[in-house]
Amino acid sequence: MGIINYNTKSSVDTSGKAQRLQNSILDGEFIISLLILSKGFGFGLPLSKHLQKVDIDLKLATRLADETLEEMKCFRNNAENSFKKIYTAAHDLAAQFQVEITMPRVIELYYKYIE
């Protein structure tokens, strides 16, 4: 009888944890953050792969580092358009799971402190 109760309790605990994990993953802020991180790590991927090679070409590594830096600067200089693309992708991804991305509520008190 104790084993049955234990398994049932364990199953309920596991189910609750799985539900909380799903809710966290399907949160709009998490989806947007995930896509931003994906874009950020994507900038450095070619350079990272090259630097991990045993017989790396330092001249090519330097060129890849410069190209990565320029790509990141371009992304930063065009931040509004870049974020719009990420937001659109996040919105489309969220829609696949019937999740709505909403702006977080901003407390009026916050504005009093930043003025």
N, C-alpha and C. Protein backbone atom coordinates (compact mmCIF):
# COMPACT_ATOMS: atom_id res chain seq x y z
N MET A 1 0.82 -1.18 0.00
CA MET A 1 0.00 0.00 0.00
C MET A 1 0.87 1.25 0.00
N GLY A 2 1.98 1.25 0.74
CA GLY A 2 2.87 2.39 0.78
C GLY A 2 3.49 2.68 -0.59
N ILE A 3 3.80 1.62 -1.34
CA ILE A 3 4.39 1.80 -2.66
C ILE A 3 3.39 2.46 -3.60
N ILE A 4 2.14 2.06 -3.54
CA ILE A 4 1.11 2.65 -4.39
C ILE A 4 0.94 4.12 -4.07
N ASN A 5 0.89 4.45 -2.80
CA ASN A 5 0.76 5.85 -2.41
C ASN A 5 1.99 6.65 -2.85
N TYR A 6 3.16 6.05 -2.70
CA TYR A 6 4.38 6.73 -3.09
C TYR A 6 4.37 7.02 -4.59
N ASN A 7 4.03 6.00 -5.38
CA ASN A 7 3.99 6.16 -6.83
C ASN A 7 2.95 7.20 -7.24
N THR A 8 1.81 7.20 -6.61
CA THR A 8 0.78 8.16 -6.94
C THR A 8 1.25 9.57 -6.59
N LYS A 9 1.86 9.72 -5.40
CA LYS A 9 2.37 11.03 -4.99
C LYS A 9 3.47 11.47 -5.94
N SER A 10 4.35 10.54 -6.31
CA SER A 10 5.44 10.86 -7.22
C SER A 10 4.90 11.28 -8.58
N SER A 11 3.88 10.59 -9.04
CA SER A 11 3.28 10.91 -10.32
C SER A 11 2.65 12.30 -10.30
N VAL A 12 1.98 12.63 -9.19
CA VAL A 12 1.37 13.96 -9.06
C VAL A 12 2.45 15.03 -9.00
N ASP A 13 3.52 14.77 -8.24
CA ASP A 13 4.64 15.72 -8.15
C ASP A 13 5.27 15.93 -9.53
N THR A 14 5.51 14.83 -10.23
CA THR A 14 6.12 14.92 -11.56
C THR A 14 5.21 15.66 -12.51
N SER A 15 3.93 15.38 -12.45
CA SER A 15 2.97 16.05 -13.31
C SER A 15 2.95 17.55 -13.03
N GLY A 16 2.98 17.92 -11.77
CA GLY A 16 2.99 19.33 -11.39
C GLY A 16 4.24 20.04 -11.88
N LYS A 17 5.40 19.36 -11.73
CA LYS A 17 6.66 19.94 -12.19
C LYS A 17 6.66 20.10 -13.71
N ALA A 18 6.12 19.09 -14.40
CA ALA A 18 6.06 19.16 -15.86
C ALA A 18 5.16 20.30 -16.31
N GLN A 19 4.06 20.50 -15.62
CA GLN A 19 3.14 21.59 -15.96
C GLN A 19 3.79 22.95 -15.72
N ARG A 20 4.52 23.09 -14.62
CA ARG A 20 5.21 24.36 -14.34
C ARG A 20 6.30 24.62 -15.38
N LEU A 21 7.02 23.56 -15.78
CA LEU A 21 8.05 23.71 -16.81
C LEU A 21 7.42 24.13 -18.13
N GLN A 22 6.32 23.50 -18.50
CA GLN A 22 5.63 23.86 -19.74
C GLN A 22 5.16 25.31 -19.69
N ASN A 23 4.60 25.73 -18.57
CA ASN A 23 4.14 27.12 -18.44
C ASN A 23 5.30 28.10 -18.56
N SER A 24 6.44 27.75 -18.00
CA SER A 24 7.62 28.62 -18.09
C SER A 24 8.13 28.71 -19.52
N ILE A 25 8.19 27.57 -20.19
CA ILE A 25 8.70 27.54 -21.56
C ILE A 25 7.77 28.29 -22.51
N LEU A 26 6.49 28.21 -22.27
CA LEU A 26 5.52 28.86 -23.15
C LEU A 26 5.23 30.31 -22.76
N ASP A 27 6.02 30.86 -21.86
CA ASP A 27 5.89 32.26 -21.47
C ASP A 27 6.48 33.13 -22.59
N GLY A 28 5.81 34.21 -22.93
CA GLY A 28 6.26 35.07 -24.01
C GLY A 28 7.65 35.61 -23.82
N GLU A 29 7.98 36.03 -22.62
CA GLU A 29 9.33 36.56 -22.35
C GLU A 29 10.39 35.48 -22.55
N PHE A 30 10.08 34.23 -22.18
CA PHE A 30 11.03 33.14 -22.37
C PHE A 30 11.26 32.90 -23.86
N ILE A 31 10.20 32.90 -24.64
CA ILE A 31 10.31 32.65 -26.08
C ILE A 31 11.16 33.74 -26.74
N ILE A 32 10.89 35.00 -26.40
CA ILE A 32 11.67 36.10 -26.97
C ILE A 32 13.14 35.99 -26.53
N SER A 33 13.37 35.71 -25.25
CA SER A 33 14.74 35.57 -24.75
C SER A 33 15.48 34.44 -25.46
N LEU A 34 14.79 33.35 -25.67
CA LEU A 34 15.39 32.20 -26.35
C LEU A 34 15.82 32.56 -27.76
N LEU A 35 14.97 33.28 -28.49
CA LEU A 35 15.31 33.66 -29.85
C LEU A 35 16.43 34.70 -29.89
N ILE A 36 16.47 35.59 -28.92
CA ILE A 36 17.56 36.56 -28.84
C ILE A 36 18.89 35.84 -28.57
N LEU A 37 18.88 34.90 -27.63
CA LEU A 37 20.09 34.13 -27.35
C LEU A 37 20.53 33.31 -28.55
N SER A 38 19.57 32.75 -29.25
CA SER A 38 19.88 31.96 -30.44
C SER A 38 20.57 32.84 -31.48
N LYS A 39 20.06 34.04 -31.68
CA LYS A 39 20.66 34.98 -32.62
C LYS A 39 22.07 35.36 -32.15
N GLY A 40 22.20 35.66 -30.87
CA GLY A 40 23.50 36.05 -30.33
C GLY A 40 24.55 34.96 -30.46
N PHE A 41 24.19 33.74 -30.11
CA PHE A 41 25.14 32.64 -30.24
C PHE A 41 25.42 32.33 -31.71
N GLY A 42 24.44 32.59 -32.56
CA GLY A 42 24.62 32.36 -33.99
C GLY A 42 25.71 33.23 -34.58
N PHE A 43 25.89 34.43 -34.04
CA PHE A 43 26.95 35.31 -34.54
C PHE A 43 28.32 34.66 -34.39
N GLY A 44 28.54 34.03 -33.27
CA GLY A 44 29.86 33.49 -32.97
C GLY A 44 30.09 32.06 -33.40
N LEU A 45 29.08 31.41 -33.96
CA LEU A 45 29.21 29.98 -34.30
C LEU A 45 30.34 29.69 -35.28
N PRO A 46 30.45 30.39 -36.43
CA PRO A 46 31.55 30.06 -37.35
C PRO A 46 32.92 30.24 -36.70
N LEU A 47 33.08 31.32 -35.96
CA LEU A 47 34.35 31.57 -35.28
C LEU A 47 34.63 30.49 -34.24
N SER A 48 33.62 30.15 -33.46
CA SER A 48 33.79 29.13 -32.42
C SER A 48 34.20 27.79 -33.01
N LYS A 49 33.54 27.39 -34.09
CA LYS A 49 33.89 26.11 -34.73
C LYS A 49 35.32 26.14 -35.26
N HIS A 50 35.71 27.27 -35.83
CA HIS A 50 37.07 27.37 -36.36
C HIS A 50 38.11 27.31 -35.24
N LEU A 51 37.83 28.00 -34.14
CA LEU A 51 38.80 28.04 -33.04
C LEU A 51 38.96 26.70 -32.34
N GLN A 52 38.01 25.80 -32.53
CA GLN A 52 38.09 24.49 -31.89
C GLN A 52 38.86 23.47 -32.71
N LYS A 53 39.23 23.84 -33.92
CA LYS A 53 39.98 22.92 -34.77
C LYS A 53 41.40 22.75 -34.22
N VAL A 54 41.98 21.61 -34.50
CA VAL A 54 43.34 21.31 -34.05
C VAL A 54 44.35 22.12 -34.85
N ASP A 55 44.14 22.21 -36.14
CA ASP A 55 45.10 22.90 -37.02
C ASP A 55 44.49 24.21 -37.53
N ILE A 56 44.27 25.15 -36.60
CA ILE A 56 43.59 26.38 -36.99
C ILE A 56 44.52 27.32 -37.75
N ASP A 57 43.92 28.04 -38.67
CA ASP A 57 44.61 29.07 -39.44
C ASP A 57 44.37 30.39 -38.72
N LEU A 58 45.42 30.97 -38.14
CA LEU A 58 45.26 32.19 -37.34
C LEU A 58 44.80 33.38 -38.18
N LYS A 59 45.22 33.43 -39.43
CA LYS A 59 44.80 34.53 -40.30
C LYS A 59 43.29 34.43 -40.55
N LEU A 60 42.80 33.22 -40.82
CA LEU A 60 41.36 33.02 -41.02
C LEU A 60 40.60 33.29 -39.72
N ALA A 61 41.16 32.87 -38.60
CA ALA A 61 40.51 33.11 -37.30
C ALA A 61 40.37 34.60 -37.03
N THR A 62 41.41 35.36 -37.35
CA THR A 62 41.36 36.82 -37.17
C THR A 62 40.29 37.43 -38.06
N ARG A 63 40.24 36.97 -39.33
CA ARG A 63 39.23 37.47 -40.25
C ARG A 63 37.82 37.13 -39.76
N LEU A 64 37.63 35.90 -39.28
CA LEU A 64 36.32 35.50 -38.76
C LEU A 64 35.93 36.32 -37.53
N ALA A 65 36.90 36.62 -36.68
CA ALA A 65 36.64 37.45 -35.49
C ALA A 65 36.21 38.85 -35.91
N ASP A 66 36.90 39.42 -36.90
CA ASP A 66 36.53 40.75 -37.39
C ASP A 66 35.14 40.74 -38.02
N GLU A 67 34.84 39.70 -38.81
CA GLU A 67 33.52 39.59 -39.44
C GLU A 67 32.42 39.43 -38.39
N THR A 68 32.70 38.66 -37.35
CA THR A 68 31.73 38.47 -36.27
C THR A 68 31.46 39.80 -35.57
N LEU A 69 32.51 40.53 -35.30
CA LEU A 69 32.37 41.84 -34.65
C LEU A 69 31.57 42.80 -35.53
N GLU A 70 31.85 42.83 -36.81
CA GLU A 70 31.11 43.71 -37.73
C GLU A 70 29.64 43.32 -37.82
N GLU A 71 29.37 42.02 -37.84
CA GLU A 71 27.99 41.54 -37.90
C GLU A 71 27.22 41.95 -36.64
N MET A 72 27.88 41.85 -35.49
CA MET A 72 27.24 42.25 -34.24
C MET A 72 27.02 43.76 -34.18
N LYS A 73 27.97 44.53 -34.68
CA LYS A 73 27.80 45.98 -34.72
C LYS A 73 26.63 46.36 -35.62
N CYS A 74 26.52 45.71 -36.76
CA CYS A 74 25.43 45.98 -37.69
C CYS A 74 24.09 45.65 -37.03
N PHE A 75 24.05 44.54 -36.32
CA PHE A 75 22.83 44.14 -35.61
C PHE A 75 22.47 45.18 -34.56
N ARG A 76 23.45 45.64 -33.83
CA ARG A 76 23.21 46.65 -32.79
C ARG A 76 22.79 47.99 -33.39
N ASN A 77 23.42 48.40 -34.48
CA ASN A 77 23.08 49.67 -35.11
C ASN A 77 21.69 49.65 -35.74
N ASN A 78 21.22 48.47 -36.07
CA ASN A 78 19.90 48.31 -36.67
C ASN A 78 18.98 47.59 -35.68
N ALA A 79 19.09 47.96 -34.41
CA ALA A 79 18.43 47.23 -33.32
C ALA A 79 16.91 47.17 -33.48
N GLU A 80 16.30 48.26 -33.87
CA GLU A 80 14.84 48.27 -33.95
C GLU A 80 14.34 47.27 -34.99
N ASN A 81 14.94 47.28 -36.18
CA ASN A 81 14.53 46.35 -37.22
C ASN A 81 14.90 44.91 -36.85
N SER A 82 16.08 44.75 -36.24
CA SER A 82 16.53 43.42 -35.83
C SER A 82 15.58 42.83 -34.79
N PHE A 83 15.18 43.65 -33.81
CA PHE A 83 14.28 43.14 -32.78
C PHE A 83 12.90 42.87 -33.36
N LYS A 84 12.48 43.68 -34.32
CA LYS A 84 11.18 43.46 -34.95
C LYS A 84 11.13 42.08 -35.60
N LYS A 85 12.23 41.69 -36.25
CA LYS A 85 12.30 40.36 -36.87
C LYS A 85 12.24 39.27 -35.81
N ILE A 86 12.97 39.47 -34.72
CA ILE A 86 12.95 38.48 -33.63
C ILE A 86 11.56 38.39 -33.02
N TYR A 87 10.93 39.54 -32.80
CA TYR A 87 9.58 39.56 -32.22
C TYR A 87 8.59 38.84 -33.14
N THR A 88 8.70 39.08 -34.44
CA THR A 88 7.81 38.42 -35.39
C THR A 88 8.00 36.90 -35.33
N ALA A 89 9.26 36.47 -35.29
CA ALA A 89 9.55 35.03 -35.19
C ALA A 89 9.01 34.46 -33.88
N ALA A 90 9.16 35.21 -32.79
CA ALA A 90 8.65 34.76 -31.48
C ALA A 90 7.13 34.68 -31.51
N HIS A 91 6.51 35.67 -32.12
CA HIS A 91 5.04 35.69 -32.22
C HIS A 91 4.55 34.48 -33.01
N ASP A 92 5.21 34.18 -34.13
CA ASP A 92 4.84 33.02 -34.95
C ASP A 92 5.04 31.71 -34.20
N LEU A 93 6.16 31.61 -33.48
CA LEU A 93 6.42 30.40 -32.69
C LEU A 93 5.38 30.23 -31.59
N ALA A 94 5.07 31.32 -30.91
CA ALA A 94 4.07 31.27 -29.83
C ALA A 94 2.70 30.87 -30.38
N ALA A 95 2.37 31.36 -31.56
CA ALA A 95 1.06 31.05 -32.16
C ALA A 95 0.92 29.55 -32.44
N GLN A 96 2.02 28.88 -32.73
CA GLN A 96 1.97 27.44 -32.95
C GLN A 96 1.51 26.69 -31.71
N PHE A 97 1.72 27.29 -30.55
CA PHE A 97 1.35 26.66 -29.28
C PHE A 97 0.17 27.37 -28.63
N GLN A 98 -0.53 28.18 -29.41
CA GLN A 98 -1.68 28.96 -28.93
C GLN A 98 -1.31 29.81 -27.72
N VAL A 99 -0.16 30.46 -27.79
CA VAL A 99 0.31 31.33 -26.73
C VAL A 99 0.34 32.76 -27.27
N GLU A 100 -0.15 33.69 -26.47
CA GLU A 100 -0.14 35.09 -26.86
C GLU A 100 1.00 35.80 -26.15
N ILE A 101 1.78 36.54 -26.91
CA ILE A 101 2.86 37.32 -26.32
C ILE A 101 2.30 38.70 -26.00
N THR A 102 2.41 39.07 -24.74
CA THR A 102 1.89 40.36 -24.30
C THR A 102 3.00 41.18 -23.67
N MET A 103 2.80 42.48 -23.68
CA MET A 103 3.75 43.38 -23.01
C MET A 103 3.55 43.23 -21.51
N PRO A 104 4.65 43.15 -20.75
CA PRO A 104 4.51 43.06 -19.30
C PRO A 104 3.93 44.36 -18.74
N ARG A 105 3.19 44.23 -17.68
CA ARG A 105 2.62 45.42 -17.03
C ARG A 105 3.73 46.22 -16.39
N VAL A 106 3.65 47.52 -16.55
CA VAL A 106 4.64 48.40 -15.97
C VAL A 106 3.95 49.19 -14.87
N ILE A 107 4.55 49.16 -13.71
CA ILE A 107 3.96 49.84 -12.56
C ILE A 107 4.31 51.32 -12.63
N GLU A 108 3.34 52.16 -12.37
CA GLU A 108 3.53 53.60 -12.43
C GLU A 108 4.64 54.06 -11.50
N LEU A 109 4.80 53.39 -10.38
CA LEU A 109 5.82 53.73 -9.42
C LEU A 109 7.22 53.65 -10.04
N TYR A 110 7.41 52.71 -10.96
CA TYR A 110 8.69 52.54 -11.63
C TYR A 110 9.11 53.85 -12.31
N TYR A 111 8.18 54.50 -12.96
CA TYR A 111 8.50 55.73 -13.67
C TYR A 111 8.91 56.86 -12.73
N LYS A 112 8.40 56.87 -11.51
CA LYS A 112 8.77 57.90 -10.55
C LYS A 112 10.25 57.79 -10.17
N TYR A 113 10.78 56.56 -10.14
CA TYR A 113 12.17 56.36 -9.74
C TYR A 113 13.16 56.65 -10.86
N ILE A 114 12.73 56.53 -12.10
CA ILE A 114 13.68 56.74 -13.20
C ILE A 114 13.69 58.19 -13.68
N GLU A 115 12.81 59.02 -13.22
CA GLU A 115 12.78 60.43 -13.65
C GLU A 115 13.81 61.25 -12.95
